[in-house]
Amino acid sequence: MKKILANDGIDAQGKSILEKAGFTVVTEKVAQENLIQAINDNQYVALTVRSATKVRKELIDACPGLKLIGRGGVGMDNIDVEYAKSKGVQVVNTPAASSHSVAELVFAGLFSMARFTYDSNRQMPISGDTQFDVLKKKYAKGIELGGKTLGIIGIGRIGQSVAKIALGCGMRVIAYDPFIKSVEIPVTIYGAGNVVSKIETVSLDEVLREADFITLHVPGGKVISKSEIEKMKDGVCLVNAARGGVIVEQDLIDALNSGKVAYAALDVFENEPTPSKALLTHPKIALTPHIGAATEEAQERIGIELAEKIIAGLN
């Protein structure tokens, strides 16, 4: 019987599908330093990971029985994909399964910045009973998202899911993507079907100049640094639920301190799982611990899609 190590876990539905197809699925977490030995000793033919486990060339070379690597999610920067393929190891991921969940988290960040809920949730337990009126005054300058311009950098699957919600909120959406000229966004109105909105992509500079809020959905690289921030509107708000480092963190802190950037919402960080204390303690940053795809619905879709791809790949 073929054995699979789901080292960062797999949804019960996906596990069940694999078991019904004749695979043994082990979900006990193996520490990174013990992974090579575990794969070889147990003769695992497939390894599934999320963002925590790293699959580098040293592991690929040391595990000749490994036939497939599965990434439960979109980005594969924790896997040496091309090297694995060059060694005959299949690599699969689940690019569509978590798009809506990530998009909803982006809007959790946008609403949190617009109405200061990230900070009021910190302050109310501390001084809400003694300084209620002070806090009420402090948070009395919120803004509405409706009518504002959202700039999306990267209008792939997740970017398009973000655009759907933005259009439903009455926002103007502009987007930059070097690979996509235009997209049609179906906005679902419950009980009334879809309204389709076409978005023509524009230059990065135009997004930087015109957007009130900017969200990034790119696979990696340094996209926003001091030079890009200087082109933005004063008081812009930024969201990063893509990859740590696509916004240069020190440049972001400097811009927050100067007021050029009003607020930021971050779900990803350069040094995960030990993000910078300067970010974690900054009073103008809404924070979540890389949970963009961490919904029950997304994890079920990821598990099912991953299982189907593993079965197809190994059979």
Protein backbone atom coordinates (compact mmCIF):
# COMPACT_ATOMS: atom_id res chain seq x y z
CA MET A 1 0.00 0.00 0.00
CA LYS A 2 1.37 3.43 -0.96
CA LYS A 3 2.03 5.74 1.97
CA ILE A 4 1.65 9.52 2.09
CA LEU A 5 2.96 11.88 4.76
CA ALA A 6 0.69 14.90 5.18
CA ASN A 7 3.22 16.74 7.28
CA ASP A 8 1.25 19.96 7.73
CA GLY A 9 -2.07 18.14 7.95
CA ILE A 10 -4.88 17.58 5.46
CA ASP A 11 -8.63 18.05 5.74
CA ALA A 12 -10.63 14.96 6.71
CA GLN A 13 -12.41 14.91 3.35
CA GLY A 14 -9.15 14.81 1.43
CA LYS A 15 -7.75 12.12 3.74
CA SER A 16 -10.86 10.02 3.25
CA ILE A 17 -10.66 10.30 -0.54
CA LEU A 18 -7.04 9.17 -0.49
CA GLU A 19 -7.76 6.25 1.82
CA LYS A 20 -10.64 5.08 -0.33
CA ALA A 21 -8.24 5.12 -3.28
CA GLY A 22 -5.94 2.73 -1.42
CA PHE A 23 -3.40 5.08 0.14
CA THR A 24 -2.25 5.17 3.76
CA VAL A 25 -2.19 8.77 4.98
CA VAL A 26 -0.08 9.71 8.00
CA THR A 27 -0.72 13.13 9.56
CA GLU A 28 1.70 13.07 12.48
CA LYS A 29 3.97 16.12 12.25
CA VAL A 30 7.64 15.35 11.64
CA ALA A 31 10.19 18.00 12.59
CA GLN A 32 12.05 19.48 9.63
CA GLU A 33 15.40 18.06 10.78
CA ASN A 34 13.93 14.53 10.96
CA LEU A 35 11.99 14.64 7.72
CA ILE A 36 14.50 12.89 5.44
CA GLN A 37 14.86 9.93 7.79
CA ALA A 38 11.09 9.64 8.28
CA ILE A 39 10.40 9.65 4.53
CA ASN A 40 13.02 6.99 3.85
CA ASP A 41 12.31 4.78 6.87
CA ASN A 42 8.57 4.73 6.18
CA GLN A 43 8.88 4.58 2.38
CA TYR A 44 6.56 7.50 1.79
CA VAL A 45 5.88 8.03 -1.93
CA ALA A 46 4.27 11.44 -1.46
CA LEU A 47 4.72 14.38 0.88
CA THR A 48 2.11 17.10 1.34
CA VAL A 49 2.92 20.43 2.98
CA ARG A 50 1.45 23.85 3.55
CA SER A 51 3.72 26.81 4.31
CA ALA A 52 5.55 25.45 7.36
CA THR A 53 7.48 22.49 5.95
CA LYS A 54 10.33 23.21 3.53
CA VAL A 55 11.15 20.87 0.66
CA ARG A 56 14.60 21.83 -0.61
CA LYS A 57 16.99 20.10 -3.00
CA GLU A 58 18.85 18.37 -0.16
CA LEU A 59 15.67 16.56 0.87
CA ILE A 60 14.78 15.75 -2.73
CA ASP A 61 18.23 14.26 -3.35
CA ALA A 62 18.15 12.28 -0.11
CA CYS A 63 14.69 10.74 -0.70
CA PRO A 64 14.79 8.78 -3.98
CA GLY A 65 11.50 7.02 -3.20
CA LEU A 66 9.58 10.29 -3.11
CA LYS A 67 7.44 10.55 -6.25
CA LEU A 68 5.18 13.53 -5.55
CA ILE A 69 5.15 16.72 -3.47
CA GLY A 70 1.79 18.37 -2.85
CA ARG A 71 1.33 21.93 -1.63
CA GLY A 72 -1.98 22.60 0.10
CA GLY A 73 -2.34 26.19 -1.06
CA VAL A 74 -1.12 28.54 -3.77
CA GLY A 75 2.47 29.69 -3.34
CA MET A 76 5.28 27.17 -3.60
CA ASP A 77 8.23 29.26 -2.42
CA ASN A 78 8.88 26.67 0.31
CA ILE A 79 9.50 24.00 -2.37
CA ASP A 80 12.36 23.81 -4.89
CA VAL A 81 9.82 23.16 -7.62
CA GLU A 82 11.99 23.15 -10.74
CA TYR A 83 14.68 21.05 -9.10
CA ALA A 84 12.09 18.49 -8.00
CA LYS A 85 10.70 18.28 -11.51
CA SER A 86 14.19 17.88 -12.94
CA LYS A 87 14.57 14.82 -10.70
CA GLY A 88 11.29 13.32 -11.90
CA VAL A 89 9.30 14.29 -8.80
CA GLN A 90 5.83 15.64 -9.52
CA VAL A 91 4.81 18.88 -7.78
CA VAL A 92 1.15 19.88 -7.44
CA ASN A 93 -0.69 22.65 -5.62
CA THR A 94 -4.25 23.93 -5.13
CA PRO A 95 -4.33 27.42 -6.63
CA ALA A 96 -8.09 27.98 -6.69
CA ALA A 97 -9.25 26.48 -3.42
CA SER A 98 -8.46 29.31 -0.99
CA SER A 99 -9.06 32.42 -3.11
CA HIS A 100 -12.34 33.49 -1.50
CA SER A 101 -11.08 32.92 2.04
CA VAL A 102 -7.99 35.07 1.41
CA ALA A 103 -10.16 37.77 -0.16
CA GLU A 104 -12.44 37.86 2.87
CA LEU A 105 -9.42 38.24 5.17
CA VAL A 106 -8.23 41.16 3.02
CA PHE A 107 -11.55 42.84 3.68
CA ALA A 108 -11.33 42.06 7.38
CA GLY A 109 -8.12 44.09 7.28
CA LEU A 110 -9.65 46.87 5.17
CA PHE A 111 -12.66 47.28 7.44
CA SER A 112 -10.43 47.05 10.51
CA MET A 113 -8.24 49.92 9.26
CA ALA A 114 -11.20 52.01 8.14
CA ARG A 115 -12.94 51.75 11.52
CA PHE A 116 -9.94 51.15 13.84
CA THR A 117 -11.35 47.88 15.18
CA TYR A 118 -7.89 46.28 15.36
CA ASP A 119 -6.82 48.95 17.87
CA SER A 120 -10.09 49.32 19.74
CA ASN A 121 -10.05 45.57 20.38
CA ARG A 122 -6.67 46.06 22.07
CA GLN A 123 -7.65 49.14 24.08
CA MET A 124 -11.22 48.40 25.23
CA PRO A 125 -10.27 45.52 27.56
CA ILE A 126 -7.55 47.68 29.11
CA SER A 127 -9.32 51.01 29.61
CA GLY A 128 -12.82 50.75 28.18
CA ASP A 129 -14.37 50.89 31.65
CA THR A 130 -12.46 54.01 32.72
CA GLN A 131 -11.84 55.90 29.45
CA PHE A 132 -14.87 54.97 27.35
CA ASP A 133 -15.50 58.54 26.16
CA VAL A 134 -11.80 59.06 25.39
CA LEU A 135 -11.74 55.95 23.21
CA LYS A 136 -15.03 56.88 21.59
CA LYS A 137 -13.51 60.20 20.55
CA LYS A 138 -10.28 58.52 19.42
CA TYR A 139 -12.11 56.22 17.01
CA ALA A 140 -14.70 58.76 15.82
CA LYS A 141 -12.93 59.51 12.53
CA GLY A 142 -13.57 56.30 10.64
CA ILE A 143 -14.25 56.21 6.92
CA GLU A 144 -16.47 54.19 4.61
CA LEU A 145 -15.00 51.90 1.96
CA GLY A 146 -17.80 52.66 -0.46
CA GLY A 147 -16.71 55.22 -3.05
CA LYS A 148 -13.02 54.75 -2.32
CA THR A 149 -10.49 53.40 -4.84
CA LEU A 150 -8.97 49.99 -4.22
CA GLY A 151 -5.76 49.24 -6.08
CA ILE A 152 -5.06 45.55 -6.64
CA ILE A 153 -1.51 44.53 -7.54
CA GLY A 154 -1.88 41.08 -9.11
CA ILE A 155 -5.34 40.35 -10.52
CA GLY A 156 -5.10 36.55 -10.66
CA ARG A 157 -7.53 34.25 -8.86
CA ILE A 158 -7.20 35.87 -5.44
CA GLY A 159 -7.07 39.40 -6.83
CA GLN A 160 -10.28 38.74 -8.76
CA SER A 161 -11.97 37.41 -5.61
CA VAL A 162 -10.93 40.61 -3.83
CA ALA A 163 -12.32 42.67 -6.73
CA LYS A 164 -15.71 40.92 -6.45
CA ILE A 165 -16.10 41.91 -2.82
CA ALA A 166 -14.82 45.43 -3.49
CA LEU A 167 -17.33 46.00 -6.28
CA GLY A 168 -20.07 44.65 -4.04
CA CYS A 169 -19.05 47.22 -1.42
CA GLY A 170 -19.33 50.04 -3.95
CA MET A 171 -15.60 50.60 -4.37
CA ARG A 172 -13.85 51.68 -7.54
CA VAL A 173 -11.35 48.98 -8.49
CA ILE A 174 -8.15 49.52 -10.46
CA ALA A 175 -5.56 46.82 -11.01
CA TYR A 176 -2.02 46.23 -12.21
CA ASP A 177 -0.83 42.89 -13.54
CA PRO A 178 2.00 42.43 -16.05
CA PHE A 179 0.41 39.24 -17.40
CA ILE A 180 -3.28 40.18 -17.61
CA LYS A 181 -4.79 42.92 -19.81
CA SER A 182 -8.39 42.68 -18.62
CA VAL A 183 -10.71 40.52 -16.54
CA GLU A 184 -14.45 40.14 -16.27
CA ILE A 185 -15.60 40.02 -12.66
CA PRO A 186 -19.00 38.41 -11.97
CA VAL A 187 -20.47 40.00 -8.85
CA THR A 188 -23.08 37.68 -7.34
CA ILE A 189 -26.16 39.41 -5.97
CA TYR A 190 -27.99 36.95 -3.77
CA GLY A 191 -31.29 35.99 -5.37
CA ALA A 192 -30.65 38.05 -8.51
CA GLY A 193 -27.75 36.33 -10.27
CA ASN A 194 -24.54 37.92 -11.51
CA VAL A 195 -23.62 41.39 -12.66
CA VAL A 196 -20.42 41.36 -14.74
CA SER A 197 -17.90 44.17 -14.45
CA LYS A 198 -14.89 44.42 -16.76
CA ILE A 199 -11.60 45.68 -15.34
CA GLU A 200 -8.85 46.84 -17.70
CA THR A 201 -5.46 46.73 -16.01
CA VAL A 202 -3.38 49.90 -15.78
CA SER A 203 0.24 50.70 -15.00
CA LEU A 204 1.71 50.16 -11.57
CA ASP A 205 2.37 53.88 -11.28
CA GLU A 206 -1.32 54.62 -11.91
CA VAL A 207 -2.37 52.22 -9.15
CA LEU A 208 0.15 53.77 -6.77
CA ARG A 209 -1.02 57.32 -7.57
CA GLU A 210 -4.77 56.82 -7.47
CA ALA A 211 -5.56 54.16 -4.88
CA ASP A 212 -6.82 54.96 -1.40
CA PHE A 213 -6.19 51.33 -0.40
CA ILE A 214 -3.70 48.95 -2.00
CA THR A 215 -3.67 45.16 -1.67
CA LEU A 216 -1.01 42.85 -3.08
CA HIS A 217 -1.59 39.39 -4.58
CA VAL A 218 1.72 38.39 -6.11
CA PRO A 219 3.87 35.23 -5.72
CA GLY A 220 6.87 37.01 -4.19
CA GLY A 221 9.64 39.54 -4.76
CA LYS A 222 10.06 43.07 -3.42
CA VAL A 223 7.16 44.97 -4.99
CA ILE A 224 6.66 47.89 -2.60
CA SER A 225 9.65 49.77 -1.22
CA LYS A 226 10.43 53.39 -0.41
CA SER A 227 10.38 54.50 -4.06
CA GLU A 228 6.91 53.03 -4.68
CA ILE A 229 5.55 54.41 -1.40
CA GLU A 230 6.68 57.91 -2.39
CA LYS A 231 4.37 57.73 -5.42
CA MET A 232 1.31 56.89 -3.33
CA LYS A 233 -1.35 59.21 -1.97
CA ASP A 234 -0.70 60.63 1.47
CA GLY A 235 -2.65 58.56 3.97
CA VAL A 236 -2.86 55.43 1.82
CA CYS A 237 -3.59 52.09 3.53
CA LEU A 238 -1.80 48.88 2.54
CA VAL A 239 -2.73 45.20 2.84
CA ASN A 240 -0.36 42.26 2.43
CA ALA A 241 -1.90 38.78 2.52
CA ALA A 242 0.38 37.48 -0.23
CA ARG A 243 4.00 36.81 0.79
CA GLY A 244 6.25 38.22 3.44
CA GLY A 245 8.70 40.69 1.95
CA VAL A 246 6.65 41.92 -1.01
CA ILE A 247 6.39 45.10 1.05
CA VAL A 248 9.84 45.99 2.42
CA GLU A 249 9.11 45.97 6.12
CA GLN A 250 11.48 48.71 7.28
CA ASP A 251 10.27 51.01 4.49
CA LEU A 252 6.70 50.36 5.61
CA ILE A 253 7.54 51.20 9.22
CA ASP A 254 9.24 54.43 8.14
CA ALA A 255 6.20 55.39 6.05
CA LEU A 256 3.80 54.62 8.90
CA ASN A 257 5.88 56.72 11.28
CA SER A 258 5.95 59.65 8.87
CA GLY A 259 2.22 59.42 8.15
CA LYS A 260 2.70 58.81 4.42
CA VAL A 261 1.01 55.44 4.96
CA ALA A 262 -1.87 55.77 7.40
CA TYR A 263 -2.34 52.10 8.33
CA ALA A 264 -1.37 48.62 7.20
CA ALA A 265 -2.88 45.17 7.57
CA LEU A 266 -0.43 42.28 7.45
CA ASP A 267 -1.09 38.54 7.38
CA VAL A 268 2.40 37.55 6.18
CA PHE A 269 5.91 38.45 7.31
CA GLU A 270 9.51 38.19 6.17
CA ASN A 271 10.74 36.12 9.11
CA GLU A 272 7.89 33.72 9.79
CA PRO A 273 7.40 32.22 12.29
CA THR A 274 9.29 34.95 14.19
CA PRO A 275 8.08 38.28 12.76
CA SER A 276 9.78 41.54 13.60
CA LYS A 277 8.79 42.97 16.99
CA ALA A 278 8.75 46.41 15.39
CA LEU A 279 5.85 45.25 13.22
CA LEU A 280 4.05 43.31 15.92
CA THR A 281 4.02 46.25 18.32
CA HIS A 282 3.36 49.04 15.84
CA PRO A 283 0.17 50.95 16.73
CA LYS A 284 -0.87 51.42 13.08
CA ILE A 285 -0.71 47.79 11.91
CA ALA A 286 -3.55 45.27 12.00
CA LEU A 287 -2.04 41.80 12.42
CA THR A 288 -2.98 38.20 11.72
CA PRO A 289 -0.66 35.13 11.80
CA HIS A 290 -0.76 33.95 8.15
CA ILE A 291 -4.37 32.71 8.23
CA GLY A 292 -5.54 33.76 4.77
CA ALA A 293 -6.58 30.23 3.79
CA ALA A 294 -7.45 29.11 7.31
CA THR A 295 -11.20 28.62 6.98
CA GLU A 296 -13.08 25.35 7.22
CA GLU A 297 -14.43 25.80 3.70
CA ALA A 298 -11.06 26.56 2.12
CA GLN A 299 -9.32 23.69 3.91
CA GLU A 300 -11.99 21.26 2.74
CA ARG A 301 -11.61 22.44 -0.85
CA ILE A 302 -7.83 22.26 -0.56
CA GLY A 303 -7.95 18.73 0.85
CA ILE A 304 -10.26 17.48 -1.89
CA GLU A 305 -8.31 19.12 -4.72
CA LEU A 306 -5.00 17.89 -3.33
CA ALA A 307 -6.30 14.35 -2.96
CA GLU A 308 -7.61 14.27 -6.51
CA LYS A 309 -4.28 15.52 -7.88
CA ILE A 310 -2.28 13.02 -5.84
CA ILE A 311 -4.42 10.13 -7.04
CA ALA A 312 -4.11 11.25 -10.65
CA GLY A 313 -0.36 11.77 -10.29
CA LEU A 314 0.49 8.50 -8.57
CA ASN A 315 -1.88 6.26 -10.52
